[in-house]
Every structure is written in structure tokens, then in C-alpha cells.
Amino acid sequence: VELMTSDHLGPALSQGPNFAPGPGY
């Protein structure tokens, strides 16, 4: 569960206008 609920993308991939969860996710 800890692995499932940890970010696997990092800031470089979790940005931009089309990133579905949105900023801060």
C-alpha cells in the first residue's frame, strides 16, 4: 500500500496543462 500510494513520476513528469491529477499531485 505504501508503494501504491507513493509518487512514481516525480516533478518532471507531473507538470503541464494535460496532467490529469493537476498541480501538487
mmCIF file of all heavy atoms, coordinates in Angstrom:
data_MODEL
# 
_entry.id   MODEL 
# 
loop_
_atom_site.group_PDB 
_atom_site.id 
_atom_site.type_symbol 
_atom_site.label_atom_id 
_atom_site.label_alt_id 
_atom_site.label_comp_id 
_atom_site.label_asym_id 
_atom_site.label_entity_id 
_atom_site.label_seq_id 
_atom_site.pdbx_PDB_ins_code 
_atom_site.Cartn_x 
_atom_site.Cartn_y 
_atom_site.Cartn_z 
_atom_site.occupancy 
_atom_site.B_iso_or_equiv 
_atom_site.pdbx_formal_charge 
_atom_site.auth_seq_id 
_atom_site.auth_comp_id 
_atom_site.auth_asym_id 
_atom_site.auth_atom_id 
_atom_site.pdbx_PDB_model_num 
ATOM 1   N N   . VAL A 1 1  ? 0.846  -1.200 0.000   1.00 0.00 ? 1  VAL A N   1 
ATOM 2   C CA  . VAL A 1 1  ? 0.000  0.000  0.000   1.00 0.00 ? 1  VAL A CA  1 
ATOM 3   C C   . VAL A 1 1  ? 0.879  1.246  0.000   1.00 0.00 ? 1  VAL A C   1 
ATOM 4   O O   . VAL A 1 1  ? 0.583  2.216  -0.706  1.00 0.00 ? 1  VAL A O   1 
ATOM 5   C CB  . VAL A 1 1  ? -0.993 -0.013 1.179   1.00 0.00 ? 1  VAL A CB  1 
ATOM 6   C CG1 . VAL A 1 1  ? -1.784 1.290  1.248   1.00 0.00 ? 1  VAL A CG1 1 
ATOM 7   C CG2 . VAL A 1 1  ? -1.939 -1.209 1.063   1.00 0.00 ? 1  VAL A CG2 1 
ATOM 8   N N   . GLU A 1 2  ? 1.967  1.234  0.748   1.00 0.00 ? 2  GLU A N   1 
ATOM 9   C CA  . GLU A 1 2  ? 2.895  2.374  0.733   1.00 0.00 ? 2  GLU A CA  1 
ATOM 10  C C   . GLU A 1 2  ? 3.453  2.593  -0.671  1.00 0.00 ? 2  GLU A C   1 
ATOM 11  O O   . GLU A 1 2  ? 3.570  3.731  -1.130  1.00 0.00 ? 2  GLU A O   1 
ATOM 12  C CB  . GLU A 1 2  ? 4.043  2.155  1.720   1.00 0.00 ? 2  GLU A CB  1 
ATOM 13  C CG  . GLU A 1 2  ? 3.650  2.313  3.164   1.00 0.00 ? 2  GLU A CG  1 
ATOM 14  C CD  . GLU A 1 2  ? 4.797  1.987  4.125   1.00 0.00 ? 2  GLU A CD  1 
ATOM 15  O OE1 . GLU A 1 2  ? 5.972  1.930  3.684   1.00 0.00 ? 2  GLU A OE1 1 
ATOM 16  O OE2 . GLU A 1 2  ? 4.513  1.789  5.318   1.00 0.00 ? 2  GLU A OE2 1 
ATOM 17  N N   . LEU A 1 3  ? 3.807  1.528  -1.357  1.00 0.00 ? 3  LEU A N   1 
ATOM 18  C CA  . LEU A 1 3  ? 4.316  1.633  -2.724  1.00 0.00 ? 3  LEU A CA  1 
ATOM 19  C C   . LEU A 1 3  ? 3.230  2.154  -3.667  1.00 0.00 ? 3  LEU A C   1 
ATOM 20  O O   . LEU A 1 3  ? 3.484  3.022  -4.497  1.00 0.00 ? 3  LEU A O   1 
ATOM 21  C CB  . LEU A 1 3  ? 4.831  0.271  -3.199  1.00 0.00 ? 3  LEU A CB  1 
ATOM 22  C CG  . LEU A 1 3  ? 5.459  0.239  -4.589  1.00 0.00 ? 3  LEU A CG  1 
ATOM 23  C CD1 . LEU A 1 3  ? 6.727  1.082  -4.629  1.00 0.00 ? 3  LEU A CD1 1 
ATOM 24  C CD2 . LEU A 1 3  ? 5.753  -1.200 -4.999  1.00 0.00 ? 3  LEU A CD2 1 
ATOM 25  N N   . MET A 1 4  ? 2.027  1.626  -3.537  1.00 0.00 ? 4  MET A N   1 
ATOM 26  C CA  . MET A 1 4  ? 0.908  2.075  -4.379  1.00 0.00 ? 4  MET A CA  1 
ATOM 27  C C   . MET A 1 4  ? 0.647  3.571  -4.229  1.00 0.00 ? 4  MET A C   1 
ATOM 28  O O   . MET A 1 4  ? 0.315  4.245  -5.197  1.00 0.00 ? 4  MET A O   1 
ATOM 29  C CB  . MET A 1 4  ? -0.396 1.355  -3.975  1.00 0.00 ? 4  MET A CB  1 
ATOM 30  C CG  . MET A 1 4  ? -0.513 -0.063 -4.396  1.00 0.00 ? 4  MET A CG  1 
ATOM 31  S SD  . MET A 1 4  ? -2.021 -0.806 -3.721  1.00 0.00 ? 4  MET A SD  1 
ATOM 32  C CE  . MET A 1 4  ? -3.290 0.192  -4.489  1.00 0.00 ? 4  MET A CE  1 
ATOM 33  N N   . THR A 1 5  ? 0.786  4.072  -3.008  1.00 0.00 ? 5  THR A N   1 
ATOM 34  C CA  . THR A 1 5  ? 0.388  5.450  -2.708  1.00 0.00 ? 5  THR A CA  1 
ATOM 35  C C   . THR A 1 5  ? 1.572  6.410  -2.644  1.00 0.00 ? 5  THR A C   1 
ATOM 36  O O   . THR A 1 5  ? 1.460  7.491  -2.075  1.00 0.00 ? 5  THR A O   1 
ATOM 37  C CB  . THR A 1 5  ? -0.420 5.481  -1.400  1.00 0.00 ? 5  THR A CB  1 
ATOM 38  O OG1 . THR A 1 5  ? 0.382  4.971  -0.328  1.00 0.00 ? 5  THR A OG1 1 
ATOM 39  C CG2 . THR A 1 5  ? -1.681 4.645  -1.521  1.00 0.00 ? 5  THR A CG2 1 
ATOM 40  N N   . SER A 1 6  ? 2.683  6.013  -3.242  1.00 0.00 ? 6  SER A N   1 
ATOM 41  C CA  . SER A 1 6  ? 3.855  6.884  -3.369  1.00 0.00 ? 6  SER A CA  1 
ATOM 42  C C   . SER A 1 6  ? 3.940  7.380  -4.805  1.00 0.00 ? 6  SER A C   1 
ATOM 43  O O   . SER A 1 6  ? 3.625  6.646  -5.746  1.00 0.00 ? 6  SER A O   1 
ATOM 44  C CB  . SER A 1 6  ? 5.132  6.109  -3.036  1.00 0.00 ? 6  SER A CB  1 
ATOM 45  O OG  . SER A 1 6  ? 5.119  5.670  -1.705  1.00 0.00 ? 6  SER A OG  1 
ATOM 46  N N   . ASP A 1 7  ? 4.405  8.605  -4.976  1.00 0.00 ? 7  ASP A N   1 
ATOM 47  C CA  . ASP A 1 7  ? 4.556  9.168  -6.320  1.00 0.00 ? 7  ASP A CA  1 
ATOM 48  C C   . ASP A 1 7  ? 5.664  8.445  -7.079  1.00 0.00 ? 7  ASP A C   1 
ATOM 49  O O   . ASP A 1 7  ? 6.783  8.318  -6.605  1.00 0.00 ? 7  ASP A O   1 
ATOM 50  C CB  . ASP A 1 7  ? 4.885  10.654 -6.220  1.00 0.00 ? 7  ASP A CB  1 
ATOM 51  C CG  . ASP A 1 7  ? 5.092  11.295 -7.572  1.00 0.00 ? 7  ASP A CG  1 
ATOM 52  O OD1 . ASP A 1 7  ? 4.449  10.863 -8.546  1.00 0.00 ? 7  ASP A OD1 1 
ATOM 53  O OD2 . ASP A 1 7  ? 5.907  12.232 -7.658  1.00 0.00 ? 7  ASP A OD2 1 
ATOM 54  N N   . HIS A 1 8  ? 5.337  7.970  -8.287  1.00 0.00 ? 8  HIS A N   1 
ATOM 55  C CA  . HIS A 1 8  ? 6.309  7.280  -9.135  1.00 0.00 ? 8  HIS A CA  1 
ATOM 56  C C   . HIS A 1 8  ? 6.715  8.117  -10.338 1.00 0.00 ? 8  HIS A C   1 
ATOM 57  O O   . HIS A 1 8  ? 7.491  7.651  -11.170 1.00 0.00 ? 8  HIS A O   1 
ATOM 58  C CB  . HIS A 1 8  ? 5.745  5.931  -9.606  1.00 0.00 ? 8  HIS A CB  1 
ATOM 59  C CG  . HIS A 1 8  ? 5.585  4.947  -8.503  1.00 0.00 ? 8  HIS A CG  1 
ATOM 60  N ND1 . HIS A 1 8  ? 6.497  3.962  -8.235  1.00 0.00 ? 8  HIS A ND1 1 
ATOM 61  C CD2 . HIS A 1 8  ? 4.616  4.812  -7.565  1.00 0.00 ? 8  HIS A CD2 1 
ATOM 62  C CE1 . HIS A 1 8  ? 6.099  3.260  -7.192  1.00 0.00 ? 8  HIS A CE1 1 
ATOM 63  N NE2 . HIS A 1 8  ? 4.959  3.756  -6.774  1.00 0.00 ? 8  HIS A NE2 1 
ATOM 64  N N   . LEU A 1 9  ? 6.201  9.343  -10.436 1.00 0.00 ? 9  LEU A N   1 
ATOM 65  C CA  . LEU A 1 9  ? 6.509  10.182 -11.589 1.00 0.00 ? 9  LEU A CA  1 
ATOM 66  C C   . LEU A 1 9  ? 7.597  11.203 -11.305 1.00 0.00 ? 9  LEU A C   1 
ATOM 67  O O   . LEU A 1 9  ? 8.441  11.461 -12.146 1.00 0.00 ? 9  LEU A O   1 
ATOM 68  C CB  . LEU A 1 9  ? 5.251  10.921 -12.062 1.00 0.00 ? 9  LEU A CB  1 
ATOM 69  C CG  . LEU A 1 9  ? 4.105  10.066 -12.557 1.00 0.00 ? 9  LEU A CG  1 
ATOM 70  C CD1 . LEU A 1 9  ? 2.961  10.951 -13.013 1.00 0.00 ? 9  LEU A CD1 1 
ATOM 71  C CD2 . LEU A 1 9  ? 4.555  9.146  -13.675 1.00 0.00 ? 9  LEU A CD2 1 
ATOM 72  N N   . GLY A 1 10 ? 7.545  11.818 -10.142 1.00 0.00 ? 10 GLY A N   1 
ATOM 73  C CA  . GLY A 1 10 ? 8.478  12.890 -9.841  1.00 0.00 ? 10 GLY A CA  1 
ATOM 74  C C   . GLY A 1 10 ? 8.034  14.179 -10.499 1.00 0.00 ? 10 GLY A C   1 
ATOM 75  O O   . GLY A 1 10 ? 7.161  14.192 -11.376 1.00 0.00 ? 10 GLY A O   1 
ATOM 76  N N   . PRO A 1 11 ? 8.638  15.305 -10.120 1.00 0.00 ? 11 PRO A N   1 
ATOM 77  C CA  . PRO A 1 11 ? 8.191  16.608 -10.602 1.00 0.00 ? 11 PRO A CA  1 
ATOM 78  C C   . PRO A 1 11 ? 8.316  16.801 -12.115 1.00 0.00 ? 11 PRO A C   1 
ATOM 79  O O   . PRO A 1 11 ? 7.500  17.486 -12.725 1.00 0.00 ? 11 PRO A O   1 
ATOM 80  C CB  . PRO A 1 11 ? 9.072  17.610 -9.858  1.00 0.00 ? 11 PRO A CB  1 
ATOM 81  C CG  . PRO A 1 11 ? 9.962  16.829 -8.972  1.00 0.00 ? 11 PRO A CG  1 
ATOM 82  C CD  . PRO A 1 11 ? 9.688  15.381 -9.139  1.00 0.00 ? 11 PRO A CD  1 
ATOM 83  N N   . ALA A 1 12 ? 9.294  16.195 -12.737 1.00 0.00 ? 12 ALA A N   1 
ATOM 84  C CA  . ALA A 1 12 ? 9.493  16.411 -14.176 1.00 0.00 ? 12 ALA A CA  1 
ATOM 85  C C   . ALA A 1 12 ? 8.319  15.884 -15.006 1.00 0.00 ? 12 ALA A C   1 
ATOM 86  O O   . ALA A 1 12 ? 7.976  16.461 -16.034 1.00 0.00 ? 12 ALA A O   1 
ATOM 87  C CB  . ALA A 1 12 ? 10.787 15.745 -14.630 1.00 0.00 ? 12 ALA A CB  1 
ATOM 88  N N   . LEU A 1 13 ? 7.696  14.801 -14.577 1.00 0.00 ? 13 LEU A N   1 
ATOM 89  C CA  . LEU A 1 13 ? 6.605  14.208 -15.343 1.00 0.00 ? 13 LEU A CA  1 
ATOM 90  C C   . LEU A 1 13 ? 5.222  14.619 -14.858 1.00 0.00 ? 13 LEU A C   1 
ATOM 91  O O   . LEU A 1 13 ? 4.240  14.387 -15.544 1.00 0.00 ? 13 LEU A O   1 
ATOM 92  C CB  . LEU A 1 13 ? 6.709  12.677 -15.312 1.00 0.00 ? 13 LEU A CB  1 
ATOM 93  C CG  . LEU A 1 13 ? 7.941  12.099 -15.988 1.00 0.00 ? 13 LEU A CG  1 
ATOM 94  C CD1 . LEU A 1 13 ? 7.986  10.596 -15.802 1.00 0.00 ? 13 LEU A CD1 1 
ATOM 95  C CD2 . LEU A 1 13 ? 7.975  12.448 -17.470 1.00 0.00 ? 13 LEU A CD2 1 
ATOM 96  N N   . SER A 1 14 ? 5.132  15.209 -13.676 1.00 0.00 ? 14 SER A N   1 
ATOM 97  C CA  . SER A 1 14 ? 3.823  15.551 -13.134 1.00 0.00 ? 14 SER A CA  1 
ATOM 98  C C   . SER A 1 14 ? 3.550  17.050 -13.231 1.00 0.00 ? 14 SER A C   1 
ATOM 99  O O   . SER A 1 14 ? 3.113  17.674 -12.282 1.00 0.00 ? 14 SER A O   1 
ATOM 100 C CB  . SER A 1 14 ? 3.694  15.060 -11.691 1.00 0.00 ? 14 SER A CB  1 
ATOM 101 O OG  . SER A 1 14 ? 4.718  15.603 -10.891 1.00 0.00 ? 14 SER A OG  1 
ATOM 102 N N   . GLN A 1 15 ? 3.806  17.589 -14.404 1.00 0.00 ? 15 GLN A N   1 
ATOM 103 C CA  . GLN A 1 15 ? 3.544  19.006 -14.639 1.00 0.00 ? 15 GLN A CA  1 
ATOM 104 C C   . GLN A 1 15 ? 2.920  19.174 -16.015 1.00 0.00 ? 15 GLN A C   1 
ATOM 105 O O   . GLN A 1 15 ? 2.906  18.256 -16.816 1.00 0.00 ? 15 GLN A O   1 
ATOM 106 C CB  . GLN A 1 15 ? 4.846  19.807 -14.563 1.00 0.00 ? 15 GLN A CB  1 
ATOM 107 C CG  . GLN A 1 15 ? 5.493  19.756 -13.199 1.00 0.00 ? 15 GLN A CG  1 
ATOM 108 C CD  . GLN A 1 15 ? 6.814  20.511 -13.175 1.00 0.00 ? 15 GLN A CD  1 
ATOM 109 O OE1 . GLN A 1 15 ? 7.165  21.211 -14.096 1.00 0.00 ? 15 GLN A OE1 1 
ATOM 110 N NE2 . GLN A 1 15 ? 7.548  20.355 -12.099 1.00 0.00 ? 15 GLN A NE2 1 
ATOM 111 N N   . GLY A 1 16 ? 2.436  20.340 -16.266 1.00 0.00 ? 16 GLY A N   1 
ATOM 112 C CA  . GLY A 1 16 ? 1.871  20.627 -17.577 1.00 0.00 ? 16 GLY A CA  1 
ATOM 113 C C   . GLY A 1 16 ? 0.353  20.677 -17.554 1.00 0.00 ? 16 GLY A C   1 
ATOM 114 O O   . GLY A 1 16 ? -0.286 20.146 -16.651 1.00 0.00 ? 16 GLY A O   1 
ATOM 115 N N   . PRO A 1 17 ? -0.226 21.311 -18.551 1.00 0.00 ? 17 PRO A N   1 
ATOM 116 C CA  . PRO A 1 17 ? -1.672 21.529 -18.563 1.00 0.00 ? 17 PRO A CA  1 
ATOM 117 C C   . PRO A 1 17 ? -2.500 20.260 -18.753 1.00 0.00 ? 17 PRO A C   1 
ATOM 118 O O   . PRO A 1 17 ? -3.671 20.239 -18.424 1.00 0.00 ? 17 PRO A O   1 
ATOM 119 C CB  . PRO A 1 17 ? -1.871 22.476 -19.747 1.00 0.00 ? 17 PRO A CB  1 
ATOM 120 C CG  . PRO A 1 17 ? -0.693 22.228 -20.637 1.00 0.00 ? 17 PRO A CG  1 
ATOM 121 C CD  . PRO A 1 17 ? 0.437  21.870 -19.716 1.00 0.00 ? 17 PRO A CD  1 
ATOM 122 N N   . ASN A 1 18 ? -1.921 19.195 -19.266 1.00 0.00 ? 18 ASN A N   1 
ATOM 123 C CA  . ASN A 1 18 ? -2.676 17.974 -19.514 1.00 0.00 ? 18 ASN A CA  1 
ATOM 124 C C   . ASN A 1 18 ? -2.451 16.893 -18.464 1.00 0.00 ? 18 ASN A C   1 
ATOM 125 O O   . ASN A 1 18 ? -2.905 15.773 -18.630 1.00 0.00 ? 18 ASN A O   1 
ATOM 126 C CB  . ASN A 1 18 ? -2.341 17.418 -20.903 1.00 0.00 ? 18 ASN A CB  1 
ATOM 127 C CG  . ASN A 1 18 ? -2.758 18.379 -21.982 1.00 0.00 ? 18 ASN A CG  1 
ATOM 128 O OD1 . ASN A 1 18 ? -3.796 19.019 -21.892 1.00 0.00 ? 18 ASN A OD1 1 
ATOM 129 N ND2 . ASN A 1 18 ? -1.942 18.507 -22.999 1.00 0.00 ? 18 ASN A ND2 1 
ATOM 130 N N   . PHE A 1 19 ? -1.745 17.220 -17.389 1.00 0.00 ? 19 PHE A N   1 
ATOM 131 C CA  . PHE A 1 19 ? -1.521 16.244 -16.331 1.00 0.00 ? 19 PHE A CA  1 
ATOM 132 C C   . PHE A 1 19 ? -2.799 16.127 -15.514 1.00 0.00 ? 19 PHE A C   1 
ATOM 133 O O   . PHE A 1 19 ? -3.199 17.048 -14.807 1.00 0.00 ? 19 PHE A O   1 
ATOM 134 C CB  . PHE A 1 19 ? -0.332 16.634 -15.454 1.00 0.00 ? 19 PHE A CB  1 
ATOM 135 C CG  . PHE A 1 19 ? -0.038 15.645 -14.367 1.00 0.00 ? 19 PHE A CG  1 
ATOM 136 C CD1 . PHE A 1 19 ? 0.341  14.345 -14.674 1.00 0.00 ? 19 PHE A CD1 1 
ATOM 137 C CD2 . PHE A 1 19 ? -0.163 15.993 -13.036 1.00 0.00 ? 19 PHE A CD2 1 
ATOM 138 C CE1 . PHE A 1 19 ? 0.601  13.412 -13.675 1.00 0.00 ? 19 PHE A CE1 1 
ATOM 139 C CE2 . PHE A 1 19 ? 0.103  15.077 -12.033 1.00 0.00 ? 19 PHE A CE2 1 
ATOM 140 C CZ  . PHE A 1 19 ? 0.484  13.784 -12.359 1.00 0.00 ? 19 PHE A CZ  1 
ATOM 141 N N   . ALA A 1 20 ? -3.470 14.979 -15.614 1.00 0.00 ? 20 ALA A N   1 
ATOM 142 C CA  . ALA A 1 20 ? -4.830 14.811 -15.100 1.00 0.00 ? 20 ALA A CA  1 
ATOM 143 C C   . ALA A 1 20 ? -5.014 15.069 -13.605 1.00 0.00 ? 20 ALA A C   1 
ATOM 144 O O   . ALA A 1 20 ? -5.952 15.762 -13.248 1.00 0.00 ? 20 ALA A O   1 
ATOM 145 C CB  . ALA A 1 20 ? -5.359 13.435 -15.472 1.00 0.00 ? 20 ALA A CB  1 
ATOM 146 N N   . PRO A 1 21 ? -4.185 14.555 -12.703 1.00 0.00 ? 21 PRO A N   1 
ATOM 147 C CA  . PRO A 1 21 ? -4.474 14.869 -11.303 1.00 0.00 ? 21 PRO A CA  1 
ATOM 148 C C   . PRO A 1 21 ? -4.323 16.352 -10.975 1.00 0.00 ? 21 PRO A C   1 
ATOM 149 O O   . PRO A 1 21 ? -4.926 16.838 -10.052 1.00 0.00 ? 21 PRO A O   1 
ATOM 150 C CB  . PRO A 1 21 ? -3.472 14.033 -10.517 1.00 0.00 ? 21 PRO A CB  1 
ATOM 151 C CG  . PRO A 1 21 ? -3.094 12.930 -11.433 1.00 0.00 ? 21 PRO A CG  1 
ATOM 152 C CD  . PRO A 1 21 ? -3.154 13.535 -12.815 1.00 0.00 ? 21 PRO A CD  1 
ATOM 153 N N   . GLY A 1 22 ? -3.497 17.064 -11.741 1.00 0.00 ? 22 GLY A N   1 
ATOM 154 C CA  . GLY A 1 22 ? -3.331 18.501 -11.530 1.00 0.00 ? 22 GLY A CA  1 
ATOM 155 C C   . GLY A 1 22 ? -2.126 18.840 -10.682 1.00 0.00 ? 22 GLY A C   1 
ATOM 156 O O   . GLY A 1 22 ? -1.409 17.970 -10.194 1.00 0.00 ? 22 GLY A O   1 
ATOM 157 N N   . PRO A 1 23 ? -1.887 20.146 -10.490 1.00 0.00 ? 23 PRO A N   1 
ATOM 158 C CA  . PRO A 1 23 ? -0.734 20.607 -9.721  1.00 0.00 ? 23 PRO A CA  1 
ATOM 159 C C   . PRO A 1 23 ? -0.754 20.082 -8.292  1.00 0.00 ? 23 PRO A C   1 
ATOM 160 O O   . PRO A 1 23 ? -1.807 19.989 -7.667  1.00 0.00 ? 23 PRO A O   1 
ATOM 161 C CB  . PRO A 1 23 ? -0.882 22.131 -9.721  1.00 0.00 ? 23 PRO A CB  1 
ATOM 162 C CG  . PRO A 1 23 ? -1.846 22.435 -10.806 1.00 0.00 ? 23 PRO A CG  1 
ATOM 163 C CD  . PRO A 1 23 ? -2.706 21.235 -10.985 1.00 0.00 ? 23 PRO A CD  1 
ATOM 164 N N   . GLY A 1 24 ? 0.421  19.753 -7.785  1.00 0.00 ? 24 GLY A N   1 
ATOM 165 C CA  . GLY A 1 24 ? 0.534  19.263 -6.423  1.00 0.00 ? 24 GLY A CA  1 
ATOM 166 C C   . GLY A 1 24 ? 0.316  17.771 -6.296  1.00 0.00 ? 24 GLY A C   1 
ATOM 167 O O   . GLY A 1 24 ? 0.333  17.235 -5.194  1.00 0.00 ? 24 GLY A O   1 
ATOM 168 N N   . TYR A 1 25 ? 0.109  17.090 -7.435  1.00 0.00 ? 25 TYR A N   1 
ATOM 169 C CA  . TYR A 1 25 ? -0.137 15.652 -7.429  1.00 0.00 ? 25 TYR A CA  1 
ATOM 170 C C   . TYR A 1 25 ? 0.891  14.919 -8.275  1.00 0.00 ? 25 TYR A C   1 
ATOM 171 O O   . TYR A 1 25 ? 1.395  15.448 -9.253  1.00 0.00 ? 25 TYR A O   1 
ATOM 172 C CB  . TYR A 1 25 ? -1.535 15.324 -7.978  1.00 0.00 ? 25 TYR A CB  1 
ATOM 173 C CG  . TYR A 1 25 ? -2.620 15.530 -6.964  1.00 0.00 ? 25 TYR A CG  1 
ATOM 174 C CD1 . TYR A 1 25 ? -3.180 16.783 -6.779  1.00 0.00 ? 25 TYR A CD1 1 
ATOM 175 C CD2 . TYR A 1 25 ? -3.054 14.487 -6.160  1.00 0.00 ? 25 TYR A CD2 1 
ATOM 176 C CE1 . TYR A 1 25 ? -4.165 16.985 -5.832  1.00 0.00 ? 25 TYR A CE1 1 
ATOM 177 C CE2 . TYR A 1 25 ? -4.044 14.679 -5.212  1.00 0.00 ? 25 TYR A CE2 1 
ATOM 178 C CZ  . TYR A 1 25 ? -4.594 15.931 -5.051  1.00 0.00 ? 25 TYR A CZ  1 
ATOM 179 O OH  . TYR A 1 25 ? -5.559 16.115 -4.100  1.00 0.00 ? 25 TYR A OH  1 
# 
